[in-house]
Amino acid sequence: MACPYLEYREADEERSFETARAYCTAVDAFVQPMRADICNDRYELDHTTDCEFYRNAER
């Protein structure tokens, strides 16, 4: 199950993107693709234990 704080957005306030980019609502920022891998629980990663953004938001 993917992180509930992860969204994919096709634009920000200033521009639009060719492809949707990973956005973390826990920190209100776009995140790097490697971070999105954690959000999506890829490569045996788990967002509940491997992501400090998630852990801080859940406190």
N, C-alpha and C. Protein backbone atom coordinates (compact mmCIF):
# COMPACT_ATOMS: atom_id res chain seq x y z
N MET A 1 0.84 -1.18 0.00
CA MET A 1 0.00 0.00 0.00
C MET A 1 0.88 1.25 0.00
N ALA A 2 0.60 2.15 -0.86
CA ALA A 2 1.40 3.38 -0.97
C ALA A 2 1.12 4.33 0.20
N CYS A 3 2.03 5.21 0.41
CA CYS A 3 1.90 6.21 1.47
C CYS A 3 0.69 7.12 1.21
N PRO A 4 -0.10 7.39 2.24
CA PRO A 4 -1.26 8.26 2.05
C PRO A 4 -0.89 9.72 1.81
N TYR A 5 0.35 10.09 2.05
CA TYR A 5 0.80 11.47 1.84
C TYR A 5 1.35 11.70 0.43
N LEU A 6 1.44 10.66 -0.37
CA LEU A 6 1.99 10.79 -1.72
C LEU A 6 0.90 11.12 -2.73
N GLU A 7 1.19 12.11 -3.54
CA GLU A 7 0.32 12.48 -4.66
C GLU A 7 1.22 12.66 -5.88
N TYR A 8 0.62 12.55 -7.04
CA TYR A 8 1.34 12.86 -8.28
C TYR A 8 0.66 14.07 -8.89
N ARG A 9 1.45 15.10 -9.15
CA ARG A 9 0.92 16.35 -9.67
C ARG A 9 1.55 16.66 -11.02
N GLU A 10 0.74 17.22 -11.90
CA GLU A 10 1.21 17.57 -13.24
C GLU A 10 1.58 19.04 -13.37
N ALA A 11 1.48 19.79 -12.26
CA ALA A 11 1.82 21.21 -12.29
C ALA A 11 2.08 21.71 -10.89
N ASP A 12 2.76 22.86 -10.82
CA ASP A 12 2.86 23.59 -9.57
C ASP A 12 2.28 24.98 -9.82
N GLU A 13 2.53 25.92 -8.95
CA GLU A 13 1.95 27.25 -9.10
C GLU A 13 2.46 27.98 -10.35
N GLU A 14 3.67 27.63 -10.81
CA GLU A 14 4.30 28.39 -11.87
C GLU A 14 4.36 27.69 -13.22
N ARG A 15 4.32 26.37 -13.25
CA ARG A 15 4.51 25.67 -14.52
C ARG A 15 3.82 24.31 -14.51
N SER A 16 3.70 23.74 -15.71
CA SER A 16 3.17 22.38 -15.81
C SER A 16 4.31 21.47 -16.26
N PHE A 17 4.15 20.17 -16.01
CA PHE A 17 5.18 19.19 -16.31
C PHE A 17 4.69 18.22 -17.38
N GLU A 18 5.62 17.66 -18.14
CA GLU A 18 5.25 16.67 -19.14
C GLU A 18 4.73 15.40 -18.48
N THR A 19 5.33 15.03 -17.37
CA THR A 19 4.90 13.86 -16.62
C THR A 19 4.63 14.27 -15.18
N ALA A 20 3.70 13.59 -14.57
CA ALA A 20 3.37 13.89 -13.18
C ALA A 20 4.57 13.62 -12.28
N ARG A 21 4.73 14.47 -11.27
CA ARG A 21 5.84 14.34 -10.33
C ARG A 21 5.32 14.02 -8.95
N ALA A 22 6.14 13.30 -8.20
CA ALA A 22 5.77 12.90 -6.84
C ALA A 22 5.76 14.11 -5.92
N TYR A 23 4.68 14.25 -5.16
CA TYR A 23 4.51 15.35 -4.23
C TYR A 23 4.13 14.77 -2.87
N CYS A 24 4.83 15.19 -1.83
CA CYS A 24 4.57 14.71 -0.47
C CYS A 24 3.76 15.77 0.27
N THR A 25 2.53 15.44 0.63
CA THR A 25 1.70 16.40 1.34
C THR A 25 2.12 16.54 2.80
N ALA A 26 2.90 15.61 3.32
CA ALA A 26 3.38 15.71 4.71
C ALA A 26 4.37 16.87 4.86
N VAL A 27 5.12 17.15 3.80
CA VAL A 27 6.09 18.25 3.84
C VAL A 27 5.77 19.34 2.83
N ASP A 28 4.67 19.20 2.11
CA ASP A 28 4.24 20.17 1.11
C ASP A 28 5.34 20.50 0.11
N ALA A 29 5.92 19.44 -0.47
CA ALA A 29 7.00 19.63 -1.44
C ALA A 29 7.06 18.46 -2.42
N PHE A 30 7.58 18.77 -3.60
CA PHE A 30 7.87 17.70 -4.55
C PHE A 30 9.07 16.92 -4.02
N VAL A 31 9.07 15.62 -4.24
CA VAL A 31 10.16 14.78 -3.75
C VAL A 31 10.85 14.07 -4.91
N GLN A 32 12.07 13.68 -4.66
CA GLN A 32 12.87 12.99 -5.66
C GLN A 32 12.28 11.61 -5.97
N PRO A 33 12.55 11.09 -7.18
CA PRO A 33 12.05 9.76 -7.53
C PRO A 33 12.45 8.67 -6.55
N MET A 34 13.66 8.75 -5.99
CA MET A 34 14.07 7.74 -5.01
C MET A 34 13.19 7.80 -3.76
N ARG A 35 12.78 8.97 -3.36
CA ARG A 35 11.88 9.13 -2.22
C ARG A 35 10.52 8.51 -2.56
N ALA A 36 10.07 8.72 -3.79
CA ALA A 36 8.79 8.14 -4.22
C ALA A 36 8.85 6.62 -4.20
N ASP A 37 10.02 6.04 -4.42
CA ASP A 37 10.15 4.59 -4.32
C ASP A 37 9.82 4.13 -2.90
N ILE A 38 10.27 4.88 -1.91
CA ILE A 38 9.93 4.55 -0.52
C ILE A 38 8.43 4.72 -0.31
N CYS A 39 7.86 5.80 -0.82
CA CYS A 39 6.43 6.06 -0.67
C CYS A 39 5.58 4.94 -1.27
N ASN A 40 6.06 4.37 -2.35
CA ASN A 40 5.33 3.31 -3.04
C ASN A 40 5.73 1.91 -2.56
N ASP A 41 6.53 1.85 -1.51
CA ASP A 41 6.98 0.57 -0.92
C ASP A 41 7.68 -0.33 -1.93
N ARG A 42 8.48 0.25 -2.78
CA ARG A 42 9.24 -0.52 -3.77
C ARG A 42 10.54 -1.03 -3.14
N TYR A 43 11.11 -2.03 -3.76
CA TYR A 43 12.43 -2.56 -3.39
C TYR A 43 12.51 -2.96 -1.92
N GLU A 44 11.46 -3.57 -1.42
CA GLU A 44 11.38 -4.04 -0.04
C GLU A 44 11.48 -2.89 0.98
N LEU A 45 11.17 -1.69 0.56
CA LEU A 45 11.10 -0.54 1.47
C LEU A 45 9.68 -0.41 1.97
N ASP A 46 9.54 0.21 3.12
CA ASP A 46 8.22 0.42 3.73
C ASP A 46 8.14 1.85 4.22
N HIS A 47 7.19 2.60 3.69
CA HIS A 47 7.10 4.03 4.05
C HIS A 47 6.86 4.23 5.55
N THR A 48 6.21 3.29 6.22
CA THR A 48 5.94 3.47 7.66
C THR A 48 7.19 3.37 8.51
N THR A 49 8.21 2.67 8.03
CA THR A 49 9.44 2.54 8.81
C THR A 49 10.64 3.22 8.17
N ASP A 50 10.63 3.40 6.85
CA ASP A 50 11.79 3.92 6.14
C ASP A 50 11.71 5.40 5.78
N CYS A 51 10.60 6.06 6.08
CA CYS A 51 10.45 7.46 5.70
C CYS A 51 10.25 8.34 6.93
N GLU A 52 11.18 9.24 7.17
CA GLU A 52 11.06 10.15 8.31
C GLU A 52 9.93 11.16 8.14
N PHE A 53 9.61 11.51 6.90
CA PHE A 53 8.49 12.43 6.66
C PHE A 53 7.18 11.80 7.16
N TYR A 54 6.97 10.54 6.83
CA TYR A 54 5.76 9.83 7.25
C TYR A 54 5.72 9.72 8.78
N ARG A 55 6.82 9.29 9.36
CA ARG A 55 6.85 9.12 10.83
C ARG A 55 6.58 10.44 11.54
N ASN A 56 7.16 11.54 11.07
CA ASN A 56 6.92 12.84 11.69
C ASN A 56 5.48 13.29 11.53
N ALA A 57 4.89 13.02 10.39
CA ALA A 57 3.50 13.43 10.15
C ALA A 57 2.52 12.63 11.01
N GLU A 58 2.85 11.41 11.34
CA GLU A 58 1.97 10.56 12.11
C GLU A 58 2.04 10.83 13.61
N ARG A 59 2.99 11.63 14.05
CA ARG A 59 3.12 11.93 15.50
C ARG A 59 2.07 12.88 15.95
